[in-house]
N, C-alpha and C. Protein backbone atom coordinates (compact mmCIF):
# COMPACT_ATOMS: atom_id res chain seq x y z
N MET A 1 29.90 -1.40 -14.38
CA MET A 1 29.14 -1.99 -13.28
C MET A 1 29.72 -1.54 -11.95
N HIS A 2 28.86 -1.14 -11.04
CA HIS A 2 29.29 -0.68 -9.73
C HIS A 2 28.88 -1.71 -8.68
N CYS A 3 29.75 -1.90 -7.67
CA CYS A 3 29.41 -2.78 -6.56
C CYS A 3 28.82 -1.94 -5.43
N SER A 4 28.28 -2.62 -4.42
CA SER A 4 27.57 -1.91 -3.36
C SER A 4 28.47 -0.91 -2.63
N SER A 5 29.77 -1.19 -2.57
CA SER A 5 30.67 -0.27 -1.87
C SER A 5 30.82 1.05 -2.59
N ASP A 6 30.44 1.09 -3.87
CA ASP A 6 30.57 2.33 -4.65
C ASP A 6 29.33 3.22 -4.57
N TRP A 7 28.20 2.69 -4.11
CA TRP A 7 26.95 3.42 -4.20
C TRP A 7 26.99 4.74 -3.45
N HIS A 8 27.69 4.78 -2.35
CA HIS A 8 27.74 6.01 -1.56
C HIS A 8 28.71 7.04 -2.15
N SER A 9 29.44 6.65 -3.21
CA SER A 9 30.36 7.60 -3.83
C SER A 9 29.64 8.59 -4.74
N PHE A 10 28.38 8.32 -5.07
CA PHE A 10 27.62 9.21 -5.93
C PHE A 10 27.09 10.40 -5.13
N ALA A 11 26.93 11.52 -5.82
CA ALA A 11 26.42 12.72 -5.15
C ALA A 11 24.91 12.65 -4.96
N ALA A 12 24.22 11.91 -5.85
CA ALA A 12 22.76 11.85 -5.79
C ALA A 12 22.26 10.48 -6.19
N TRP A 13 21.20 10.06 -5.52
CA TRP A 13 20.46 8.86 -5.90
C TRP A 13 19.12 9.29 -6.48
N LEU A 14 18.79 8.77 -7.67
CA LEU A 14 17.51 9.04 -8.32
C LEU A 14 16.74 7.72 -8.35
N ILE A 15 15.61 7.67 -7.68
CA ILE A 15 14.99 6.40 -7.35
C ILE A 15 13.58 6.29 -7.92
N ASP A 16 13.32 5.16 -8.56
CA ASP A 16 11.99 4.84 -9.06
C ASP A 16 11.08 4.52 -7.87
N LEU A 17 9.76 4.56 -8.10
CA LEU A 17 8.81 4.30 -7.03
C LEU A 17 8.19 2.91 -7.13
N ASP A 18 7.34 2.70 -8.14
CA ASP A 18 6.55 1.47 -8.23
C ASP A 18 7.44 0.25 -8.50
N GLY A 19 7.38 -0.71 -7.60
CA GLY A 19 8.20 -1.91 -7.72
C GLY A 19 9.59 -1.74 -7.15
N THR A 20 9.95 -0.52 -6.77
CA THR A 20 11.28 -0.25 -6.22
C THR A 20 11.21 0.06 -4.73
N LEU A 21 10.36 0.99 -4.34
CA LEU A 21 10.22 1.30 -2.92
C LEU A 21 9.33 0.29 -2.20
N TYR A 22 8.62 -0.52 -2.96
CA TYR A 22 7.81 -1.59 -2.36
C TYR A 22 7.83 -2.78 -3.30
N ARG A 23 7.49 -3.95 -2.77
CA ARG A 23 7.46 -5.17 -3.58
C ARG A 23 6.14 -5.22 -4.34
N ALA A 24 6.24 -5.22 -5.65
CA ALA A 24 5.05 -5.04 -6.49
C ALA A 24 4.13 -6.26 -6.50
N ALA A 25 4.68 -7.46 -6.54
CA ALA A 25 3.85 -8.66 -6.72
C ALA A 25 2.81 -8.82 -5.62
N PRO A 26 3.15 -8.77 -4.33
CA PRO A 26 2.11 -8.93 -3.31
C PRO A 26 1.10 -7.79 -3.29
N VAL A 27 1.55 -6.58 -3.67
CA VAL A 27 0.61 -5.45 -3.73
C VAL A 27 -0.41 -5.68 -4.84
N ARG A 28 0.05 -6.17 -5.99
CA ARG A 28 -0.88 -6.46 -7.10
C ARG A 28 -1.90 -7.52 -6.67
N LEU A 29 -1.44 -8.56 -6.00
CA LEU A 29 -2.35 -9.62 -5.56
C LEU A 29 -3.38 -9.08 -4.58
N ALA A 30 -2.92 -8.27 -3.64
CA ALA A 30 -3.84 -7.71 -2.65
C ALA A 30 -4.87 -6.80 -3.30
N MET A 31 -4.43 -5.99 -4.25
CA MET A 31 -5.35 -5.08 -4.92
C MET A 31 -6.30 -5.84 -5.85
N ALA A 32 -5.83 -6.93 -6.45
CA ALA A 32 -6.71 -7.74 -7.28
C ALA A 32 -7.84 -8.32 -6.44
N ALA A 33 -7.51 -8.79 -5.25
CA ALA A 33 -8.54 -9.33 -4.35
C ALA A 33 -9.50 -8.24 -3.91
N GLU A 34 -8.98 -7.05 -3.62
CA GLU A 34 -9.84 -5.94 -3.20
C GLU A 34 -10.77 -5.50 -4.33
N LEU A 35 -10.26 -5.50 -5.54
CA LEU A 35 -11.09 -5.15 -6.69
C LEU A 35 -12.22 -6.16 -6.88
N LEU A 36 -11.88 -7.43 -6.77
CA LEU A 36 -12.89 -8.48 -6.93
C LEU A 36 -13.98 -8.36 -5.87
N LEU A 37 -13.57 -7.99 -4.67
CA LEU A 37 -14.51 -7.93 -3.56
C LEU A 37 -15.34 -6.65 -3.54
N LEU A 38 -14.66 -5.51 -3.78
CA LEU A 38 -15.32 -4.21 -3.58
C LEU A 38 -15.56 -3.41 -4.87
N GLY A 39 -14.85 -3.75 -5.92
CA GLY A 39 -15.00 -2.95 -7.14
C GLY A 39 -14.92 -3.75 -8.42
N PRO A 40 -15.66 -4.87 -8.52
CA PRO A 40 -15.54 -5.70 -9.73
C PRO A 40 -15.90 -4.96 -11.00
N HIS A 41 -16.77 -3.94 -10.89
CA HIS A 41 -17.16 -3.17 -12.06
C HIS A 41 -16.05 -2.21 -12.51
N ARG A 42 -14.97 -2.10 -11.70
CA ARG A 42 -13.85 -1.22 -12.06
C ARG A 42 -12.67 -1.98 -12.66
N ILE A 43 -12.74 -3.30 -12.65
CA ILE A 43 -11.58 -4.10 -13.07
C ILE A 43 -11.16 -3.79 -14.49
N ARG A 44 -12.10 -3.79 -15.41
CA ARG A 44 -11.75 -3.56 -16.81
C ARG A 44 -11.17 -2.15 -17.00
N MET A 45 -11.71 -1.17 -16.29
CA MET A 45 -11.22 0.19 -16.42
C MET A 45 -9.75 0.28 -15.98
N ILE A 46 -9.42 -0.36 -14.85
CA ILE A 46 -8.05 -0.34 -14.36
C ILE A 46 -7.13 -1.07 -15.33
N GLN A 47 -7.59 -2.20 -15.84
CA GLN A 47 -6.79 -2.96 -16.81
C GLN A 47 -6.51 -2.13 -18.06
N GLU A 48 -7.51 -1.44 -18.55
CA GLU A 48 -7.33 -0.62 -19.75
C GLU A 48 -6.39 0.55 -19.48
N PHE A 49 -6.49 1.15 -18.31
CA PHE A 49 -5.60 2.27 -17.98
C PHE A 49 -4.14 1.81 -17.96
N ARG A 50 -3.89 0.65 -17.37
CA ARG A 50 -2.52 0.11 -17.36
C ARG A 50 -2.06 -0.24 -18.76
N ARG A 51 -2.97 -0.77 -19.57
CA ARG A 51 -2.61 -1.13 -20.94
C ARG A 51 -2.23 0.10 -21.74
N PHE A 52 -2.96 1.20 -21.55
CA PHE A 52 -2.64 2.44 -22.24
C PHE A 52 -1.25 2.95 -21.84
N HIS A 53 -0.88 2.72 -20.58
CA HIS A 53 0.44 3.17 -20.11
C HIS A 53 1.55 2.48 -20.90
N GLU A 54 1.48 1.16 -21.00
CA GLU A 54 2.51 0.43 -21.73
C GLU A 54 2.45 0.73 -23.23
N ALA A 55 1.25 0.97 -23.76
CA ALA A 55 1.13 1.34 -25.17
C ALA A 55 1.81 2.68 -25.44
N LEU A 56 1.61 3.64 -24.55
CA LEU A 56 2.26 4.94 -24.70
C LEU A 56 3.77 4.81 -24.61
N ARG A 57 4.26 3.94 -23.75
CA ARG A 57 5.69 3.72 -23.62
C ARG A 57 6.28 3.24 -24.95
N ARG A 58 5.56 2.32 -25.60
CA ARG A 58 6.03 1.80 -26.88
C ARG A 58 5.91 2.84 -27.98
N GLU A 59 4.79 3.55 -28.01
CA GLU A 59 4.51 4.50 -29.08
C GLU A 59 5.44 5.71 -29.06
N GLN A 60 5.85 6.12 -27.86
CA GLN A 60 6.58 7.37 -27.74
C GLN A 60 7.98 7.31 -28.34
N ASP A 61 8.55 6.12 -28.45
CA ASP A 61 9.97 6.03 -28.78
C ASP A 61 10.29 6.67 -30.12
N SER A 62 9.46 6.41 -31.14
CA SER A 62 9.73 6.99 -32.45
C SER A 62 9.56 8.50 -32.42
N SER A 63 8.53 8.98 -31.73
CA SER A 63 8.33 10.43 -31.63
C SER A 63 9.48 11.09 -30.88
N TYR A 64 9.96 10.41 -29.83
CA TYR A 64 11.04 10.99 -29.03
C TYR A 64 12.32 11.10 -29.86
N ARG A 65 12.61 10.04 -30.61
CA ARG A 65 13.83 10.04 -31.42
C ARG A 65 13.77 11.09 -32.52
N GLN A 66 12.57 11.44 -32.95
CA GLN A 66 12.41 12.45 -33.99
C GLN A 66 12.32 13.86 -33.41
N GLY A 67 12.45 13.97 -32.10
CA GLY A 67 12.42 15.29 -31.48
C GLY A 67 11.03 15.84 -31.31
N GLY A 68 10.02 14.96 -31.26
CA GLY A 68 8.65 15.40 -31.09
C GLY A 68 8.40 15.99 -29.73
N ASP A 69 7.29 16.70 -29.60
CA ASP A 69 6.95 17.35 -28.34
C ASP A 69 5.59 16.83 -27.88
N GLU A 70 5.57 16.14 -26.75
CA GLU A 70 4.35 15.49 -26.28
C GLU A 70 3.79 16.20 -25.04
N ASP A 71 2.50 15.96 -24.80
CA ASP A 71 1.87 16.45 -23.58
C ASP A 71 2.16 15.47 -22.44
N ASN A 72 1.65 15.80 -21.28
CA ASN A 72 1.81 14.95 -20.12
C ASN A 72 1.26 13.54 -20.42
N PRO A 73 2.09 12.49 -20.28
CA PRO A 73 1.62 11.14 -20.61
C PRO A 73 0.50 10.66 -19.70
N TYR A 74 0.48 11.10 -18.45
CA TYR A 74 -0.59 10.71 -17.54
C TYR A 74 -1.93 11.26 -18.03
N ASP A 75 -1.91 12.52 -18.50
CA ASP A 75 -3.14 13.11 -19.04
C ASP A 75 -3.58 12.37 -20.30
N ARG A 76 -2.62 11.94 -21.11
CA ARG A 76 -2.98 11.19 -22.32
C ARG A 76 -3.61 9.85 -21.97
N GLN A 77 -3.11 9.20 -20.92
CA GLN A 77 -3.73 7.96 -20.46
C GLN A 77 -5.18 8.19 -20.05
N LEU A 78 -5.39 9.25 -19.28
CA LEU A 78 -6.75 9.56 -18.83
C LEU A 78 -7.66 9.87 -20.01
N CYS A 79 -7.14 10.58 -21.00
CA CYS A 79 -7.95 10.93 -22.17
C CYS A 79 -8.34 9.68 -22.95
N ARG A 80 -7.41 8.76 -23.13
CA ARG A 80 -7.72 7.53 -23.85
C ARG A 80 -8.76 6.71 -23.09
N LEU A 81 -8.62 6.67 -21.78
CA LEU A 81 -9.58 5.92 -20.98
C LEU A 81 -10.96 6.57 -21.05
N ALA A 82 -11.00 7.89 -20.98
CA ALA A 82 -12.27 8.61 -21.06
C ALA A 82 -12.95 8.36 -22.41
N GLU A 83 -12.17 8.36 -23.48
CA GLU A 83 -12.73 8.08 -24.81
C GLU A 83 -13.32 6.68 -24.85
N LEU A 84 -12.61 5.72 -24.27
CA LEU A 84 -13.10 4.34 -24.25
C LEU A 84 -14.40 4.24 -23.44
N GLN A 85 -14.47 4.99 -22.34
CA GLN A 85 -15.65 4.96 -21.48
C GLN A 85 -16.76 5.89 -21.97
N ARG A 86 -16.45 6.67 -23.00
CA ARG A 86 -17.39 7.63 -23.58
C ARG A 86 -17.88 8.63 -22.54
N CYS A 87 -16.91 9.22 -21.86
CA CYS A 87 -17.21 10.23 -20.87
C CYS A 87 -16.05 11.21 -20.80
N GLY A 88 -16.10 12.19 -19.91
CA GLY A 88 -15.04 13.14 -19.75
C GLY A 88 -13.99 12.65 -18.77
N THR A 89 -12.80 13.24 -18.82
CA THR A 89 -11.73 12.83 -17.91
C THR A 89 -12.09 13.11 -16.46
N GLU A 90 -12.97 14.10 -16.24
CA GLU A 90 -13.36 14.41 -14.86
C GLU A 90 -14.13 13.26 -14.22
N LYS A 91 -14.64 12.34 -15.03
CA LYS A 91 -15.36 11.18 -14.50
C LYS A 91 -14.39 10.04 -14.15
N VAL A 92 -13.38 9.83 -15.00
CA VAL A 92 -12.48 8.70 -14.78
C VAL A 92 -11.33 9.02 -13.83
N ALA A 93 -10.89 10.29 -13.78
CA ALA A 93 -9.73 10.65 -12.96
C ALA A 93 -9.91 10.29 -11.49
N PRO A 94 -11.06 10.61 -10.85
CA PRO A 94 -11.22 10.24 -9.44
C PRO A 94 -11.20 8.73 -9.20
N ILE A 95 -11.71 7.97 -10.15
CA ILE A 95 -11.73 6.51 -10.02
C ILE A 95 -10.31 5.96 -10.08
N ILE A 96 -9.52 6.46 -11.02
CA ILE A 96 -8.13 6.03 -11.15
C ILE A 96 -7.34 6.41 -9.89
N HIS A 97 -7.58 7.62 -9.39
CA HIS A 97 -6.88 8.05 -8.18
C HIS A 97 -7.24 7.13 -7.00
N GLU A 98 -8.51 6.78 -6.89
CA GLU A 98 -8.94 5.94 -5.78
C GLU A 98 -8.30 4.57 -5.82
N TRP A 99 -8.33 3.92 -7.01
CA TRP A 99 -7.91 2.53 -7.10
C TRP A 99 -6.43 2.33 -7.39
N MET A 100 -5.75 3.36 -7.88
CA MET A 100 -4.33 3.19 -8.19
C MET A 100 -3.41 4.01 -7.29
N GLU A 101 -3.98 4.92 -6.49
CA GLU A 101 -3.14 5.72 -5.62
C GLU A 101 -3.59 5.64 -4.15
N ARG A 102 -4.88 5.88 -3.88
CA ARG A 102 -5.32 5.94 -2.48
C ARG A 102 -5.49 4.56 -1.85
N ARG A 103 -6.30 3.70 -2.48
CA ARG A 103 -6.57 2.39 -1.89
C ARG A 103 -5.33 1.51 -1.74
N PRO A 104 -4.37 1.54 -2.68
CA PRO A 104 -3.17 0.69 -2.50
C PRO A 104 -2.30 1.11 -1.33
N GLY A 105 -2.55 2.29 -0.74
CA GLY A 105 -1.66 2.82 0.29
C GLY A 105 -1.36 1.87 1.42
N LYS A 106 -2.38 1.22 1.93
CA LYS A 106 -2.17 0.31 3.07
C LYS A 106 -1.31 -0.87 2.70
N TRP A 107 -1.41 -1.31 1.43
CA TRP A 107 -0.59 -2.44 0.98
C TRP A 107 0.84 -2.00 0.69
N LEU A 108 1.00 -0.79 0.15
CA LEU A 108 2.35 -0.28 -0.07
C LEU A 108 3.12 -0.22 1.25
N ARG A 109 2.44 0.26 2.28
CA ARG A 109 3.08 0.38 3.59
C ARG A 109 3.46 -1.01 4.13
N LEU A 110 2.60 -1.99 3.92
CA LEU A 110 2.85 -3.33 4.42
C LEU A 110 4.02 -4.00 3.70
N PHE A 111 4.13 -3.75 2.39
CA PHE A 111 5.15 -4.43 1.60
C PHE A 111 6.28 -3.50 1.15
N ARG A 112 6.50 -2.42 1.89
CA ARG A 112 7.59 -1.51 1.53
C ARG A 112 8.93 -2.20 1.72
N ARG A 113 9.92 -1.77 0.96
CA ARG A 113 11.27 -2.34 1.06
C ARG A 113 12.02 -1.61 2.17
N ARG A 114 11.93 -2.15 3.35
CA ARG A 114 12.50 -1.48 4.52
C ARG A 114 14.02 -1.30 4.40
N LYS A 115 14.69 -2.31 3.85
CA LYS A 115 16.15 -2.23 3.73
C LYS A 115 16.55 -1.07 2.82
N LEU A 116 15.89 -0.95 1.68
CA LEU A 116 16.21 0.13 0.76
C LEU A 116 15.90 1.49 1.38
N LEU A 117 14.75 1.60 2.03
CA LEU A 117 14.39 2.87 2.66
C LEU A 117 15.41 3.25 3.74
N ALA A 118 15.93 2.25 4.45
CA ALA A 118 16.97 2.53 5.44
C ALA A 118 18.27 2.98 4.76
N GLU A 119 18.59 2.38 3.61
CA GLU A 119 19.77 2.79 2.85
C GLU A 119 19.65 4.24 2.39
N ILE A 120 18.46 4.60 1.93
CA ILE A 120 18.23 5.97 1.47
C ILE A 120 18.41 6.96 2.63
N ALA A 121 17.87 6.61 3.78
CA ALA A 121 18.00 7.48 4.96
C ALA A 121 19.47 7.62 5.35
N ASP A 122 20.22 6.53 5.28
CA ASP A 122 21.65 6.58 5.61
C ASP A 122 22.42 7.43 4.61
N PHE A 123 22.09 7.28 3.33
CA PHE A 123 22.75 8.07 2.28
C PHE A 123 22.51 9.56 2.50
N ARG A 124 21.29 9.92 2.85
CA ARG A 124 20.97 11.32 3.12
C ARG A 124 21.72 11.83 4.35
N ALA A 125 21.82 10.97 5.36
CA ALA A 125 22.53 11.37 6.58
C ALA A 125 24.01 11.65 6.30
N ARG A 126 24.54 11.01 5.26
CA ARG A 126 25.94 11.22 4.87
C ARG A 126 26.11 12.44 3.95
N GLY A 127 25.01 13.12 3.67
CA GLY A 127 25.07 14.31 2.83
C GLY A 127 24.65 14.11 1.39
N GLY A 128 24.17 12.92 1.05
CA GLY A 128 23.74 12.65 -0.31
C GLY A 128 22.40 13.31 -0.65
N LYS A 129 22.20 13.60 -1.93
CA LYS A 129 20.94 14.16 -2.40
C LYS A 129 20.07 13.03 -2.97
N THR A 130 18.75 13.20 -2.88
CA THR A 130 17.85 12.16 -3.37
C THR A 130 16.69 12.75 -4.15
N ALA A 131 16.26 12.00 -5.16
CA ALA A 131 15.08 12.39 -5.94
C ALA A 131 14.25 11.15 -6.23
N LEU A 132 12.96 11.31 -6.24
CA LEU A 132 12.02 10.25 -6.63
C LEU A 132 11.59 10.55 -8.06
N VAL A 133 11.72 9.57 -8.96
CA VAL A 133 11.36 9.76 -10.37
C VAL A 133 10.37 8.67 -10.77
N SER A 134 9.14 9.07 -11.10
CA SER A 134 8.07 8.09 -11.35
C SER A 134 7.30 8.43 -12.63
N ASP A 135 6.84 7.37 -13.30
CA ASP A 135 5.98 7.54 -14.47
C ASP A 135 4.51 7.71 -14.09
N TYR A 136 4.21 7.63 -12.80
CA TYR A 136 2.86 7.84 -12.29
C TYR A 136 2.89 8.91 -11.19
N PRO A 137 1.76 9.52 -10.84
CA PRO A 137 1.73 10.43 -9.70
C PRO A 137 2.28 9.74 -8.45
N ALA A 138 3.01 10.49 -7.64
CA ALA A 138 3.76 9.87 -6.55
C ALA A 138 3.42 10.39 -5.16
N ILE A 139 2.84 11.56 -5.05
CA ILE A 139 2.69 12.20 -3.74
C ILE A 139 1.88 11.34 -2.77
N THR A 140 0.73 10.82 -3.21
CA THR A 140 -0.13 10.01 -2.34
C THR A 140 0.57 8.73 -1.92
N LYS A 141 1.27 8.08 -2.86
CA LYS A 141 1.96 6.83 -2.55
C LYS A 141 3.13 7.06 -1.60
N LEU A 142 3.88 8.14 -1.80
CA LEU A 142 4.99 8.43 -0.90
C LEU A 142 4.49 8.66 0.52
N ALA A 143 3.39 9.35 0.65
CA ALA A 143 2.81 9.58 1.98
C ALA A 143 2.41 8.26 2.63
N ALA A 144 1.80 7.36 1.83
CA ALA A 144 1.40 6.06 2.35
C ALA A 144 2.61 5.26 2.81
N LEU A 145 3.71 5.38 2.09
CA LEU A 145 4.94 4.67 2.44
C LEU A 145 5.67 5.34 3.60
N ARG A 146 5.20 6.53 3.98
CA ARG A 146 5.87 7.35 4.99
C ARG A 146 7.30 7.64 4.58
N ALA A 147 7.46 7.91 3.30
CA ALA A 147 8.80 8.13 2.74
C ALA A 147 9.00 9.53 2.20
N THR A 148 8.00 10.39 2.33
CA THR A 148 8.12 11.75 1.77
C THR A 148 9.37 12.48 2.25
N PRO A 149 9.73 12.42 3.54
CA PRO A 149 10.91 13.16 4.00
C PRO A 149 12.23 12.64 3.46
N LEU A 150 12.21 11.49 2.79
CA LEU A 150 13.46 10.91 2.29
C LEU A 150 13.91 11.51 0.96
N PHE A 151 13.10 12.40 0.37
CA PHE A 151 13.41 12.90 -0.96
C PHE A 151 13.45 14.42 -1.00
N ASP A 152 14.52 14.92 -1.61
CA ASP A 152 14.66 16.37 -1.80
C ASP A 152 13.78 16.86 -2.93
N VAL A 153 13.59 16.00 -3.93
CA VAL A 153 12.87 16.37 -5.15
C VAL A 153 11.98 15.21 -5.56
N VAL A 154 10.79 15.52 -6.05
CA VAL A 154 9.90 14.51 -6.63
C VAL A 154 9.58 14.92 -8.06
N VAL A 155 9.90 14.03 -9.00
CA VAL A 155 9.62 14.25 -10.42
C VAL A 155 8.69 13.14 -10.87
N ALA A 156 7.43 13.46 -11.08
CA ALA A 156 6.44 12.42 -11.38
C ALA A 156 5.48 12.88 -12.48
N CYS A 157 5.18 11.99 -13.40
CA CYS A 157 4.21 12.29 -14.44
C CYS A 157 2.85 12.56 -13.79
N GLY A 158 2.20 13.61 -14.24
CA GLY A 158 0.93 14.00 -13.65
C GLY A 158 1.10 14.96 -12.49
N GLU A 159 2.35 15.22 -12.10
CA GLU A 159 2.64 16.13 -10.99
C GLU A 159 3.85 16.99 -11.35
N ASP A 160 3.72 17.79 -12.38
CA ASP A 160 4.79 18.68 -12.82
C ASP A 160 6.05 17.89 -13.17
N GLY A 161 5.85 16.75 -13.81
CA GLY A 161 6.97 15.90 -14.18
C GLY A 161 7.26 15.96 -15.66
N PRO A 162 7.98 14.97 -16.19
CA PRO A 162 8.39 14.97 -17.59
C PRO A 162 7.24 14.69 -18.55
N ARG A 163 7.44 15.01 -19.81
CA ARG A 163 6.44 14.76 -20.85
C ARG A 163 6.68 13.44 -21.56
N TRP A 164 7.66 12.68 -21.07
CA TRP A 164 7.99 11.40 -21.69
C TRP A 164 8.15 10.33 -20.62
N LEU A 165 7.66 9.14 -20.90
CA LEU A 165 7.83 8.01 -20.00
C LEU A 165 9.23 7.42 -20.15
N LYS A 166 9.69 6.71 -19.13
CA LYS A 166 10.91 5.94 -19.27
C LYS A 166 10.68 4.87 -20.36
N PRO A 167 11.67 4.55 -21.17
CA PRO A 167 13.10 4.78 -21.01
C PRO A 167 13.62 6.12 -21.52
N ALA A 168 12.76 7.05 -21.88
CA ALA A 168 13.26 8.40 -22.16
C ALA A 168 13.97 8.92 -20.90
N PRO A 169 15.09 9.59 -21.06
CA PRO A 169 15.87 10.00 -19.89
C PRO A 169 15.39 11.28 -19.23
N ASP A 170 14.34 11.90 -19.78
CA ASP A 170 13.94 13.25 -19.35
C ASP A 170 13.66 13.37 -17.85
N GLY A 171 12.97 12.38 -17.28
CA GLY A 171 12.64 12.45 -15.86
C GLY A 171 13.88 12.47 -14.99
N TYR A 172 14.83 11.61 -15.30
CA TYR A 172 16.06 11.56 -14.52
C TYR A 172 16.92 12.81 -14.75
N LEU A 173 16.96 13.28 -15.98
CA LEU A 173 17.73 14.50 -16.25
C LEU A 173 17.11 15.70 -15.54
N LEU A 174 15.77 15.76 -15.51
CA LEU A 174 15.10 16.85 -14.80
C LEU A 174 15.39 16.78 -13.30
N ALA A 175 15.39 15.57 -12.75
CA ALA A 175 15.70 15.42 -11.33
C ALA A 175 17.12 15.87 -11.03
N ALA A 176 18.07 15.49 -11.89
CA ALA A 176 19.47 15.90 -11.69
C ALA A 176 19.59 17.42 -11.76
N GLN A 177 18.86 18.02 -12.70
CA GLN A 177 18.90 19.48 -12.83
C GLN A 177 18.36 20.15 -11.56
N ARG A 178 17.25 19.64 -11.05
CA ARG A 178 16.66 20.23 -9.85
C ARG A 178 17.52 20.02 -8.61
N LEU A 179 18.36 18.98 -8.65
CA LEU A 179 19.28 18.74 -7.54
C LEU A 179 20.62 19.45 -7.76
N ALA A 180 20.76 20.11 -8.90
CA ALA A 180 22.01 20.80 -9.25
C ALA A 180 23.19 19.83 -9.22
N THR A 181 22.98 18.66 -9.84
CA THR A 181 23.99 17.61 -9.84
C THR A 181 24.22 17.12 -11.27
N ALA A 182 25.47 16.95 -11.67
CA ALA A 182 25.79 16.46 -13.00
C ALA A 182 25.31 15.02 -13.17
N PRO A 183 24.82 14.64 -14.36
CA PRO A 183 24.34 13.27 -14.57
C PRO A 183 25.36 12.21 -14.19
N GLN A 184 26.63 12.45 -14.46
CA GLN A 184 27.67 11.47 -14.16
C GLN A 184 27.85 11.24 -12.66
N GLN A 185 27.28 12.12 -11.85
CA GLN A 185 27.37 11.97 -10.40
C GLN A 185 26.11 11.37 -9.80
N CYS A 186 25.22 10.87 -10.67
CA CYS A 186 23.93 10.33 -10.22
C CYS A 186 23.87 8.82 -10.37
N LEU A 187 23.26 8.17 -9.40
CA LEU A 187 22.96 6.74 -9.46
C LEU A 187 21.45 6.56 -9.54
N VAL A 188 20.99 5.86 -10.57
CA VAL A 188 19.57 5.53 -10.70
C VAL A 188 19.32 4.17 -10.07
N ILE A 189 18.28 4.07 -9.27
CA ILE A 189 17.89 2.81 -8.63
C ILE A 189 16.48 2.47 -9.09
N GLY A 190 16.32 1.30 -9.71
CA GLY A 190 15.01 0.91 -10.21
C GLY A 190 14.88 -0.58 -10.35
N ASP A 191 13.65 -1.03 -10.66
CA ASP A 191 13.38 -2.47 -10.74
C ASP A 191 13.25 -2.97 -12.17
N ARG A 192 13.35 -2.08 -13.16
CA ARG A 192 13.21 -2.49 -14.56
C ARG A 192 14.39 -2.01 -15.38
N ASP A 193 15.15 -2.95 -15.90
CA ASP A 193 16.29 -2.57 -16.73
C ASP A 193 15.83 -1.95 -18.05
N ASP A 194 14.68 -2.42 -18.56
CA ASP A 194 14.21 -1.91 -19.85
C ASP A 194 13.65 -0.50 -19.75
N ALA A 195 13.30 -0.07 -18.54
CA ALA A 195 12.76 1.27 -18.34
C ALA A 195 13.74 2.15 -17.57
N ASP A 196 13.95 1.85 -16.29
CA ASP A 196 14.87 2.64 -15.47
C ASP A 196 16.32 2.51 -15.96
N GLY A 197 16.74 1.28 -16.25
CA GLY A 197 18.11 1.07 -16.68
C GLY A 197 18.43 1.74 -17.99
N GLU A 198 17.54 1.58 -18.97
CA GLU A 198 17.78 2.21 -20.27
C GLU A 198 17.72 3.72 -20.17
N ALA A 199 16.81 4.24 -19.35
CA ALA A 199 16.75 5.69 -19.14
C ALA A 199 18.04 6.20 -18.52
N ALA A 200 18.58 5.45 -17.56
CA ALA A 200 19.84 5.84 -16.92
C ALA A 200 20.98 5.86 -17.94
N ARG A 201 21.05 4.85 -18.78
CA ARG A 201 22.11 4.80 -19.79
C ARG A 201 22.00 5.96 -20.76
N ARG A 202 20.78 6.29 -21.17
CA ARG A 202 20.60 7.41 -22.09
C ARG A 202 20.95 8.74 -21.43
N ALA A 203 20.85 8.79 -20.12
CA ALA A 203 21.16 10.01 -19.38
C ALA A 203 22.62 10.06 -18.92
N SER A 204 23.41 9.04 -19.27
CA SER A 204 24.82 8.93 -18.85
C SER A 204 24.95 8.82 -17.34
N MET A 205 24.01 8.05 -16.73
CA MET A 205 24.01 7.82 -15.29
C MET A 205 24.27 6.35 -15.01
N ALA A 206 24.79 6.06 -13.83
CA ALA A 206 24.97 4.68 -13.39
C ALA A 206 23.60 4.12 -12.99
N PHE A 207 23.52 2.79 -12.98
CA PHE A 207 22.24 2.15 -12.68
C PHE A 207 22.44 0.98 -11.73
N ARG A 208 21.55 0.89 -10.75
CA ARG A 208 21.50 -0.24 -9.82
C ARG A 208 20.14 -0.91 -9.98
N LEU A 209 20.16 -2.16 -10.43
CA LEU A 209 18.92 -2.91 -10.62
C LEU A 209 18.53 -3.56 -9.30
N LEU A 210 17.33 -3.25 -8.84
CA LEU A 210 16.82 -3.80 -7.59
C LEU A 210 15.95 -5.01 -7.91
N ARG A 211 16.30 -6.14 -7.39
CA ARG A 211 15.55 -7.38 -7.68
C ARG A 211 14.66 -7.74 -6.52
């Protein structure tokens, strides 16, 4: 276990996005209200897409342990949703992008974790390296948070990221590789011990749980 005084001793910080760079609960409430008001016919689709994400997280563990080789998990989510909707992925992808990446932007900005973002900026000013590691596409959300300049590397599913969701360590290991930093010199910062924390442990990295 590391205390706050040790955090700056690491060469690199590898940071989760959703629920870490912003407070998830108020964003979910705001988006639920927006869906009810402007997109009630999309509610079930969004719910199913999120359900597929957690299902893939559970399903992948046995395949990962057996050394299986998977495709992009974000694409698999879209495929499952398209099958459920009985259409092609080209029909569901823009809807998912609108309601899970573009529209939440204003709420992400409102509920961003200013203290953490300031810590990241200070760490970089001291010469530290930073990477964003996400199980979802991150570019649009980072722009909404006005946090893009805070990261040297972005590793995100659906955007040239890993083929496995957390708690598989692949995303964090890929980020460390792109930063040319040994795993033991990396600190993972995330809001889920079962996902970010377990991935960090499997990657031989330290972990800071953000509450």
